[in-house]
Amino acid sequence: TVGEFKRDFSAVLKRVQAGEEIAISYGKNKAI
């Protein structure tokens, strides 16, 4: 979710650099 992404921004970027793909969802229906 956007909240998780904001909270863990630096860790998320490290995961992406390591090769992982991450989707960010938003809103009540959690649309990507």
Full PDB file with SEQRES, HELIX, SHEET, SSBOND, CRYST1, ORIGX, SCALE, CONECT and MASTER records, all heavy atoms in Angstrom:
SEQRES   1 A   32  THR VAL GLY GLU PHE LYS ARG ASP PHE SER ALA VAL LEU          
SEQRES   2 A   32  LYS ARG VAL GLN ALA GLY GLU GLU ILE ALA ILE SER TYR          
SEQRES   3 A   32  GLY LYS ASN LYS ALA ILE                                      
HELIX    1 AA1 VAL A    2  ARG A    7  1                                   6    
HELIX    2 AA2 PHE A    9  GLN A   17  1                                   9    
CRYST1    1.000    1.000    1.000  90.00  90.00  90.00 P 1           1          
ORIGX1      1.000000  0.000000  0.000000        0.00000                         
ORIGX2      0.000000  1.000000  0.000000        0.00000                         
ORIGX3      0.000000  0.000000  1.000000        0.00000                         
SCALE1      1.000000  0.000000  0.000000        0.00000                         
SCALE2      0.000000  1.000000  0.000000        0.00000                         
SCALE3      0.000000  0.000000  1.000000        0.00000                         
ATOM      1  N   THR A   1       0.856  -1.184   0.000  1.00  0.00           N  
ATOM      2  CA  THR A   1       0.000   0.000   0.000  1.00  0.00           C  
ATOM      3  C   THR A   1       0.895   1.238   0.000  1.00  0.00           C  
ATOM      4  O   THR A   1       2.097   1.156   0.271  1.00  0.00           O  
ATOM      5  CB  THR A   1      -0.915   0.040   1.234  1.00  0.00           C  
ATOM      6  OG1 THR A   1      -0.093   0.147   2.393  1.00  0.00           O  
ATOM      7  CG2 THR A   1      -1.789  -1.200   1.306  1.00  0.00           C  
ATOM      8  N   VAL A   2       0.307   2.384  -0.274  1.00  0.00           N  
ATOM      9  CA  VAL A   2       1.068   3.632  -0.271  1.00  0.00           C  
ATOM     10  C   VAL A   2       1.684   3.875   1.101  1.00  0.00           C  
ATOM     11  O   VAL A   2       2.845   4.281   1.210  1.00  0.00           O  
ATOM     12  CB  VAL A   2       0.168   4.820  -0.689  1.00  0.00           C  
ATOM     13  CG1 VAL A   2       0.893   6.132  -0.522  1.00  0.00           C  
ATOM     14  CG2 VAL A   2      -0.290   4.661  -2.123  1.00  0.00           C  
ATOM     15  N   GLY A   3       0.938   3.600   2.163  1.00  0.00           N  
ATOM     16  CA  GLY A   3       1.449   3.795   3.519  1.00  0.00           C  
ATOM     17  C   GLY A   3       2.663   2.932   3.808  1.00  0.00           C  
ATOM     18  O   GLY A   3       3.651   3.401   4.389  1.00  0.00           O  
ATOM     19  N   GLU A   4       2.599   1.671   3.421  1.00  0.00           N  
ATOM     20  CA  GLU A   4       3.748   0.777   3.616  1.00  0.00           C  
ATOM     21  C   GLU A   4       4.946   1.260   2.812  1.00  0.00           C  
ATOM     22  O   GLU A   4       6.082   1.248   3.290  1.00  0.00           O  
ATOM     23  CB  GLU A   4       3.388  -0.651   3.186  1.00  0.00           C  
ATOM     24  CG  GLU A   4       2.368  -1.329   4.056  1.00  0.00           C  
ATOM     25  CD  GLU A   4       1.870  -2.629   3.454  1.00  0.00           C  
ATOM     26  OE1 GLU A   4       1.868  -2.778   2.208  1.00  0.00           O  
ATOM     27  OE2 GLU A   4       1.482  -3.500   4.240  1.00  0.00           O  
ATOM     28  N   PHE A   5       4.677   1.689   1.599  1.00  0.00           N  
ATOM     29  CA  PHE A   5       5.749   2.178   0.741  1.00  0.00           C  
ATOM     30  C   PHE A   5       6.425   3.401   1.348  1.00  0.00           C  
ATOM     31  O   PHE A   5       7.652   3.484   1.393  1.00  0.00           O  
ATOM     32  CB  PHE A   5       5.193   2.501  -0.647  1.00  0.00           C  
ATOM     33  CG  PHE A   5       6.206   3.113  -1.575  1.00  0.00           C  
ATOM     34  CD1 PHE A   5       7.275   2.372  -2.043  1.00  0.00           C  
ATOM     35  CD2 PHE A   5       6.077   4.421  -1.991  1.00  0.00           C  
ATOM     36  CE1 PHE A   5       8.209   2.930  -2.897  1.00  0.00           C  
ATOM     37  CE2 PHE A   5       6.999   4.988  -2.846  1.00  0.00           C  
ATOM     38  CZ  PHE A   5       8.067   4.239  -3.302  1.00  0.00           C  
ATOM     39  N   LYS A   6       5.628   4.360   1.833  1.00  0.00           N  
ATOM     40  CA  LYS A   6       6.194   5.568   2.443  1.00  0.00           C  
ATOM     41  C   LYS A   6       7.006   5.228   3.686  1.00  0.00           C  
ATOM     42  O   LYS A   6       8.087   5.765   3.902  1.00  0.00           O  
ATOM     43  CB  LYS A   6       5.074   6.554   2.805  1.00  0.00           C  
ATOM     44  CG  LYS A   6       4.504   7.249   1.587  1.00  0.00           C  
ATOM     45  CD  LYS A   6       3.294   8.122   1.820  1.00  0.00           C  
ATOM     46  CE  LYS A   6       3.135   8.769   3.132  1.00  0.00           C  
ATOM     47  NZ  LYS A   6       1.962   9.642   3.223  1.00  0.00           N  
ATOM     48  N   ARG A   7       6.495   4.317   4.491  1.00  0.00           N  
ATOM     49  CA  ARG A   7       7.165   3.951   5.743  1.00  0.00           C  
ATOM     50  C   ARG A   7       8.508   3.269   5.480  1.00  0.00           C  
ATOM     51  O   ARG A   7       9.488   3.524   6.174  1.00  0.00           O  
ATOM     52  CB  ARG A   7       6.255   3.035   6.560  1.00  0.00           C  
ATOM     53  CG  ARG A   7       6.848   2.606   7.890  1.00  0.00           C  
ATOM     54  CD  ARG A   7       6.001   1.562   8.577  1.00  0.00           C  
ATOM     55  NE  ARG A   7       6.077   0.314   7.795  1.00  0.00           N  
ATOM     56  CZ  ARG A   7       5.079  -0.529   7.639  1.00  0.00           C  
ATOM     57  NH1 ARG A   7       3.898  -0.288   8.177  1.00  0.00           N  
ATOM     58  NH2 ARG A   7       5.231  -1.624   6.930  1.00  0.00           N  
ATOM     59  N   ASP A   8       8.564   2.413   4.475  1.00  0.00           N  
ATOM     60  CA  ASP A   8       9.749   1.591   4.226  1.00  0.00           C  
ATOM     61  C   ASP A   8      10.467   1.977   2.936  1.00  0.00           C  
ATOM     62  O   ASP A   8      11.071   1.129   2.279  1.00  0.00           O  
ATOM     63  CB  ASP A   8       9.352   0.115   4.150  1.00  0.00           C  
ATOM     64  CG  ASP A   8       8.686  -0.370   5.416  1.00  0.00           C  
ATOM     65  OD1 ASP A   8       9.050   0.117   6.495  1.00  0.00           O  
ATOM     66  OD2 ASP A   8       7.798  -1.243   5.321  1.00  0.00           O  
ATOM     67  N   PHE A   9      10.419   3.239   2.579  1.00  0.00           N  
ATOM     68  CA  PHE A   9      10.931   3.692   1.286  1.00  0.00           C  
ATOM     69  C   PHE A   9      12.353   3.212   0.996  1.00  0.00           C  
ATOM     70  O   PHE A   9      12.619   2.614  -0.045  1.00  0.00           O  
ATOM     71  CB  PHE A   9      10.862   5.228   1.208  1.00  0.00           C  
ATOM     72  CG  PHE A   9      11.320   5.781  -0.105  1.00  0.00           C  
ATOM     73  CD1 PHE A   9      10.517   5.677  -1.221  1.00  0.00           C  
ATOM     74  CD2 PHE A   9      12.553   6.398  -0.228  1.00  0.00           C  
ATOM     75  CE1 PHE A   9      10.931   6.185  -2.446  1.00  0.00           C  
ATOM     76  CE2 PHE A   9      12.977   6.904  -1.438  1.00  0.00           C  
ATOM     77  CZ  PHE A   9      12.161   6.805  -2.551  1.00  0.00           C  
ATOM     78  N   SER A  10      13.281   3.453   1.902  1.00  0.00           N  
ATOM     79  CA  SER A  10      14.682   3.074   1.670  1.00  0.00           C  
ATOM     80  C   SER A  10      14.828   1.565   1.509  1.00  0.00           C  
ATOM     81  O   SER A  10      15.548   1.088   0.626  1.00  0.00           O  
ATOM     82  CB  SER A  10      15.567   3.557   2.819  1.00  0.00           C  
ATOM     83  OG  SER A  10      15.581   4.962   2.846  1.00  0.00           O  
ATOM     84  N   ALA A  11      14.144   0.805   2.348  1.00  0.00           N  
ATOM     85  CA  ALA A  11      14.222  -0.657   2.264  1.00  0.00           C  
ATOM     86  C   ALA A  11      13.616  -1.158   0.957  1.00  0.00           C  
ATOM     87  O   ALA A  11      14.125  -2.103   0.341  1.00  0.00           O  
ATOM     88  CB  ALA A  11      13.511  -1.293   3.454  1.00  0.00           C  
ATOM     89  N   VAL A  12      12.540  -0.507   0.511  1.00  0.00           N  
ATOM     90  CA  VAL A  12      11.900  -0.895  -0.746  1.00  0.00           C  
ATOM     91  C   VAL A  12      12.859  -0.665  -1.915  1.00  0.00           C  
ATOM     92  O   VAL A  12      13.007  -1.515  -2.795  1.00  0.00           O  
ATOM     93  CB  VAL A  12      10.587  -0.115  -0.962  1.00  0.00           C  
ATOM     94  CG1 VAL A  12      10.040  -0.327  -2.358  1.00  0.00           C  
ATOM     95  CG2 VAL A  12       9.558  -0.527   0.071  1.00  0.00           C  
ATOM     96  N   LEU A  13      13.554   0.471  -1.918  1.00  0.00           N  
ATOM     97  CA  LEU A  13      14.504   0.750  -2.996  1.00  0.00           C  
ATOM     98  C   LEU A  13      15.636  -0.277  -3.014  1.00  0.00           C  
ATOM     99  O   LEU A  13      16.079  -0.702  -4.083  1.00  0.00           O  
ATOM    100  CB  LEU A  13      15.070   2.158  -2.874  1.00  0.00           C  
ATOM    101  CG  LEU A  13      14.096   3.286  -3.197  1.00  0.00           C  
ATOM    102  CD1 LEU A  13      14.788   4.632  -3.079  1.00  0.00           C  
ATOM    103  CD2 LEU A  13      13.491   3.123  -4.573  1.00  0.00           C  
ATOM    104  N   LYS A  14      16.090  -0.698  -1.855  1.00  0.00           N  
ATOM    105  CA  LYS A  14      17.136  -1.721  -1.796  1.00  0.00           C  
ATOM    106  C   LYS A  14      16.626  -3.042  -2.360  1.00  0.00           C  
ATOM    107  O   LYS A  14      17.352  -3.754  -3.063  1.00  0.00           O  
ATOM    108  CB  LYS A  14      17.627  -1.904  -0.366  1.00  0.00           C  
ATOM    109  CG  LYS A  14      18.482  -0.742   0.100  1.00  0.00           C  
ATOM    110  CD  LYS A  14      18.963  -0.938   1.513  1.00  0.00           C  
ATOM    111  CE  LYS A  14      19.742   0.298   1.953  1.00  0.00           C  
ATOM    112  NZ  LYS A  14      20.173   0.218   3.344  1.00  0.00           N  
ATOM    113  N   ARG A  15      15.373  -3.380  -2.069  1.00  0.00           N  
ATOM    114  CA  ARG A  15      14.793  -4.616  -2.602  1.00  0.00           C  
ATOM    115  C   ARG A  15      14.686  -4.560  -4.122  1.00  0.00           C  
ATOM    116  O   ARG A  15      14.953  -5.539  -4.813  1.00  0.00           O  
ATOM    117  CB  ARG A  15      13.421  -4.865  -1.982  1.00  0.00           C  
ATOM    118  CG  ARG A  15      13.502  -5.284  -0.524  1.00  0.00           C  
ATOM    119  CD  ARG A  15      12.172  -5.261   0.176  1.00  0.00           C  
ATOM    120  NE  ARG A  15      11.176  -6.131  -0.421  1.00  0.00           N  
ATOM    121  CZ  ARG A  15       9.921  -6.206  -0.009  1.00  0.00           C  
ATOM    122  NH1 ARG A  15       9.509  -5.479   1.026  1.00  0.00           N  
ATOM    123  NH2 ARG A  15       9.076  -7.004  -0.600  1.00  0.00           N  
ATOM    124  N   VAL A  16      14.321  -3.378  -4.635  1.00  0.00           N  
ATOM    125  CA  VAL A  16      14.218  -3.211  -6.092  1.00  0.00           C  
ATOM    126  C   VAL A  16      15.606  -3.311  -6.721  1.00  0.00           C  
ATOM    127  O   VAL A  16      15.787  -3.952  -7.756  1.00  0.00           O  
ATOM    128  CB  VAL A  16      13.534  -1.878  -6.449  1.00  0.00           C  
ATOM    129  CG1 VAL A  16      13.623  -1.593  -7.941  1.00  0.00           C  
ATOM    130  CG2 VAL A  16      12.082  -1.893  -5.998  1.00  0.00           C  
ATOM    131  N   GLN A  17      16.601  -2.704  -6.096  1.00  0.00           N  
ATOM    132  CA  GLN A  17      17.965  -2.795  -6.609  1.00  0.00           C  
ATOM    133  C   GLN A  17      18.453  -4.242  -6.624  1.00  0.00           C  
ATOM    134  O   GLN A  17      19.245  -4.624  -7.481  1.00  0.00           O  
ATOM    135  CB  GLN A  17      18.923  -1.960  -5.761  1.00  0.00           C  
ATOM    136  CG  GLN A  17      18.802  -0.477  -6.006  1.00  0.00           C  
ATOM    137  CD  GLN A  17      19.727   0.329  -5.118  1.00  0.00           C  
ATOM    138  OE1 GLN A  17      20.004  -0.068  -3.988  1.00  0.00           O  
ATOM    139  NE2 GLN A  17      20.193   1.451  -5.624  1.00  0.00           N  
ATOM    140  N   ALA A  18      17.964  -5.045  -5.697  1.00  0.00           N  
ATOM    141  CA  ALA A  18      18.345  -6.454  -5.630  1.00  0.00           C  
ATOM    142  C   ALA A  18      17.632  -7.293  -6.687  1.00  0.00           C  
ATOM    143  O   ALA A  18      17.889  -8.482  -6.818  1.00  0.00           O  
ATOM    144  CB  ALA A  18      18.053  -7.006  -4.239  1.00  0.00           C  
ATOM    145  N   GLY A  19      16.691  -6.695  -7.442  1.00  0.00           N  
ATOM    146  CA  GLY A  19      16.039  -7.396  -8.530  1.00  0.00           C  
ATOM    147  C   GLY A  19      14.560  -7.680  -8.339  1.00  0.00           C  
ATOM    148  O   GLY A  19      13.921  -8.259  -9.202  1.00  0.00           O  
ATOM    149  N   GLU A  20      13.984  -7.283  -7.220  1.00  0.00           N  
ATOM    150  CA  GLU A  20      12.571  -7.563  -6.943  1.00  0.00           C  
ATOM    151  C   GLU A  20      11.674  -6.503  -7.591  1.00  0.00           C  
ATOM    152  O   GLU A  20      12.031  -5.337  -7.660  1.00  0.00           O  
ATOM    153  CB  GLU A  20      12.345  -7.558  -5.427  1.00  0.00           C  
ATOM    154  CG  GLU A  20      10.979  -7.999  -5.017  1.00  0.00           C  
ATOM    155  CD  GLU A  20      10.834  -8.103  -3.501  1.00  0.00           C  
ATOM    156  OE1 GLU A  20      11.843  -8.061  -2.777  1.00  0.00           O  
ATOM    157  OE2 GLU A  20       9.680  -8.203  -3.055  1.00  0.00           O  
ATOM    158  N   GLU A  21      10.512  -6.938  -8.079  1.00  0.00           N  
ATOM    159  CA  GLU A  21       9.521  -6.013  -8.613  1.00  0.00           C  
ATOM    160  C   GLU A  21       8.471  -5.777  -7.525  1.00  0.00           C  
ATOM    161  O   GLU A  21       8.010  -6.719  -6.897  1.00  0.00           O  
ATOM    162  CB  GLU A  21       8.845  -6.593  -9.852  1.00  0.00           C  
ATOM    163  CG  GLU A  21       9.778  -6.706 -11.027  1.00  0.00           C  
ATOM    164  CD  GLU A  21       9.072  -7.176 -12.274  1.00  0.00           C  
ATOM    165  OE1 GLU A  21       7.826  -7.271 -12.281  1.00  0.00           O  
ATOM    166  OE2 GLU A  21       9.775  -7.456 -13.246  1.00  0.00           O  
ATOM    167  N   ILE A  22       8.095  -4.505  -7.339  1.00  0.00           N  
ATOM    168  CA  ILE A  22       7.136  -4.152  -6.294  1.00  0.00           C  
ATOM    169  C   ILE A  22       6.045  -3.282  -6.892  1.00  0.00           C  
ATOM    170  O   ILE A  22       6.319  -2.298  -7.578  1.00  0.00           O  
ATOM    171  CB  ILE A  22       7.831  -3.426  -5.124  1.00  0.00           C  
ATOM    172  CG1 ILE A  22       8.858  -4.359  -4.494  1.00  0.00           C  
ATOM    173  CG2 ILE A  22       6.819  -2.947  -4.101  1.00  0.00           C  
ATOM    174  CD1 ILE A  22       9.651  -3.792  -3.362  1.00  0.00           C  
ATOM    175  N   ALA A  23       4.782  -3.663  -6.619  1.00  0.00           N  
ATOM    176  CA  ALA A  23       3.630  -2.889  -7.077  1.00  0.00           C  
ATOM    177  C   ALA A  23       3.099  -2.075  -5.908  1.00  0.00           C  
ATOM    178  O   ALA A  23       3.141  -2.512  -4.755  1.00  0.00           O  
ATOM    179  CB  ALA A  23       2.548  -3.814  -7.607  1.00  0.00           C  
ATOM    180  N   ILE A  24       2.580  -0.881  -6.200  1.00  0.00           N  
ATOM    181  CA  ILE A  24       2.033  -0.005  -5.165  1.00  0.00           C  
ATOM    182  C   ILE A  24       0.535   0.130  -5.402  1.00  0.00           C  
ATOM    183  O   ILE A  24       0.101   0.498  -6.483  1.00  0.00           O  
ATOM    184  CB  ILE A  24       2.715   1.375  -5.195  1.00  0.00           C  
ATOM    185  CG1 ILE A  24       4.228   1.194  -4.991  1.00  0.00           C  
ATOM    186  CG2 ILE A  24       2.131   2.293  -4.141  1.00  0.00           C  
ATOM    187  CD1 ILE A  24       5.029   2.429  -5.240  1.00  0.00           C  
ATOM    188  N   SER A  25      -0.246  -0.186  -4.362  1.00  0.00           N  
ATOM    189  CA  SER A  25      -1.707  -0.103  -4.475  1.00  0.00           C  
ATOM    190  C   SER A  25      -2.208   1.128  -3.736  1.00  0.00           C  
ATOM    191  O   SER A  25      -1.570   1.631  -2.816  1.00  0.00           O  
ATOM    192  CB  SER A  25      -2.360  -1.368  -3.917  1.00  0.00           C  
ATOM    193  OG  SER A  25      -2.090  -1.487  -2.538  1.00  0.00           O  
ATOM    194  N   TYR A  26      -3.407   1.603  -4.157  1.00  0.00           N  
ATOM    195  CA  TYR A  26      -3.934   2.844  -3.612  1.00  0.00           C  
ATOM    196  C   TYR A  26      -5.456   2.766  -3.539  1.00  0.00           C  
ATOM    197  O   TYR A  26      -6.107   2.163  -4.385  1.00  0.00           O  
ATOM    198  CB  TYR A  26      -3.519   4.011  -4.517  1.00  0.00           C  
ATOM    199  CG  TYR A  26      -3.997   5.357  -4.070  1.00  0.00           C  
ATOM    200  CD1 TYR A  26      -3.433   5.995  -2.986  1.00  0.00           C  
ATOM    201  CD2 TYR A  26      -5.034   5.994  -4.746  1.00  0.00           C  
ATOM    202  CE1 TYR A  26      -3.871   7.240  -2.581  1.00  0.00           C  
ATOM    203  CE2 TYR A  26      -5.477   7.239  -4.349  1.00  0.00           C  
ATOM    204  CZ  TYR A  26      -4.890   7.851  -3.255  1.00  0.00           C  
ATOM    205  OH  TYR A  26      -5.332   9.079  -2.862  1.00  0.00           O  
ATOM    206  N   GLY A  27      -6.011   3.379  -2.535  1.00  0.00           N  
ATOM    207  CA  GLY A  27      -7.464   3.503  -2.415  1.00  0.00           C  
ATOM    208  C   GLY A  27      -8.115   2.338  -1.686  1.00  0.00           C  
ATOM    209  O   GLY A  27      -7.468   1.389  -1.280  1.00  0.00           O  
ATOM    210  N   LYS A  28      -9.437   2.457  -1.538  1.00  0.00           N  
ATOM    211  CA  LYS A  28     -10.193   1.427  -0.827  1.00  0.00           C  
ATOM    212  C   LYS A  28     -10.165   0.083  -1.541  1.00  0.00           C  
ATOM    213  O   LYS A  28     -10.134  -0.965  -0.914  1.00  0.00           O  
ATOM    214  CB  LYS A  28     -11.646   1.875  -0.652  1.00  0.00           C  
ATOM    215  CG  LYS A  28     -11.803   3.017   0.311  1.00  0.00           C  
ATOM    216  CD  LYS A  28     -13.265   3.391   0.449  1.00  0.00           C  
ATOM    217  CE  LYS A  28     -13.410   4.572   1.392  1.00  0.00           C  
ATOM    218  NZ  LYS A  28     -14.805   4.974   1.542  1.00  0.00           N  
ATOM    219  N   ASN A  29     -10.181   0.129  -2.875  1.00  0.00           N  
ATOM    220  CA  ASN A  29     -10.176  -1.132  -3.619  1.00  0.00           C  
ATOM    221  C   ASN A  29      -8.760  -1.661  -3.861  1.00  0.00           C  
ATOM    222  O   ASN A  29      -8.591  -2.673  -4.513  1.00  0.00           O  
ATOM    223  CB  ASN A  29     -10.920  -0.981  -4.944  1.00  0.00           C  
ATOM    224  CG  ASN A  29     -10.284   0.047  -5.842  1.00  0.00           C  
ATOM    225  OD1 ASN A  29      -9.335   0.716  -5.457  1.00  0.00           O  
ATOM    226  ND2 ASN A  29     -10.806   0.186  -7.038  1.00  0.00           N  
ATOM    227  N   LYS A  30      -7.768  -0.961  -3.349  1.00  0.00           N  
ATOM    228  CA  LYS A  30      -6.360  -1.352  -3.440  1.00  0.00           C  
ATOM    229  C   LYS A  30      -5.927  -1.643  -4.885  1.00  0.00           C  
ATOM    230  O   LYS A  30      -5.272  -2.637  -5.173  1.00  0.00           O  
ATOM    231  CB  LYS A  30      -6.085  -2.558  -2.553  1.00  0.00           C  
ATOM    232  CG  LYS A  30      -6.483  -2.336  -1.101  1.00  0.00           C  
ATOM    233  CD  LYS A  30      -5.385  -2.742  -0.188  1.00  0.00           C  
ATOM    234  CE  LYS A  30      -5.859  -2.717   1.253  1.00  0.00           C  
ATOM    235  NZ  LYS A  30      -5.620  -1.505   1.928  1.00  0.00           N  
ATOM    236  N   ALA A  31      -6.304  -0.754  -5.778  1.00  0.00           N  
ATOM    237  CA  ALA A  31      -5.918  -0.889  -7.182  1.00  0.00           C  
ATOM    238  C   ALA A  31      -4.438  -0.567  -7.348  1.00  0.00           C  
ATOM    239  O   ALA A  31      -3.922   0.377  -6.756  1.00  0.00           O  
ATOM    240  CB  ALA A  31      -6.745   0.054  -8.051  1.00  0.00           C  
ATOM    241  N   ILE A  32      -3.764  -1.350  -8.157  1.00  0.00           N  
ATOM    242  CA  ILE A  32      -2.342  -1.107  -8.405  1.00  0.00           C  
ATOM    243  C   ILE A  32      -2.210   0.115  -9.310  1.00  0.00           C  
ATOM    244  O   ILE A  32      -2.790   0.169 -10.392  1.00  0.00           O  
ATOM    245  CB  ILE A  32      -1.687  -2.339  -9.048  1.00  0.00           C  
ATOM    246  CG1 ILE A  32      -1.697  -3.494  -8.051  1.00  0.00           C  
ATOM    247  CG2 ILE A  32      -0.262  -2.027  -9.494  1.00  0.00           C  
ATOM    248  CD1 ILE A  32      -1.180  -4.799  -8.602  1.00  0.00           C  
TER     249      ILE A  32                                                      
MASTER        0    0    0    2    0    0    0    6  248    1    0    3          
END                                                                             
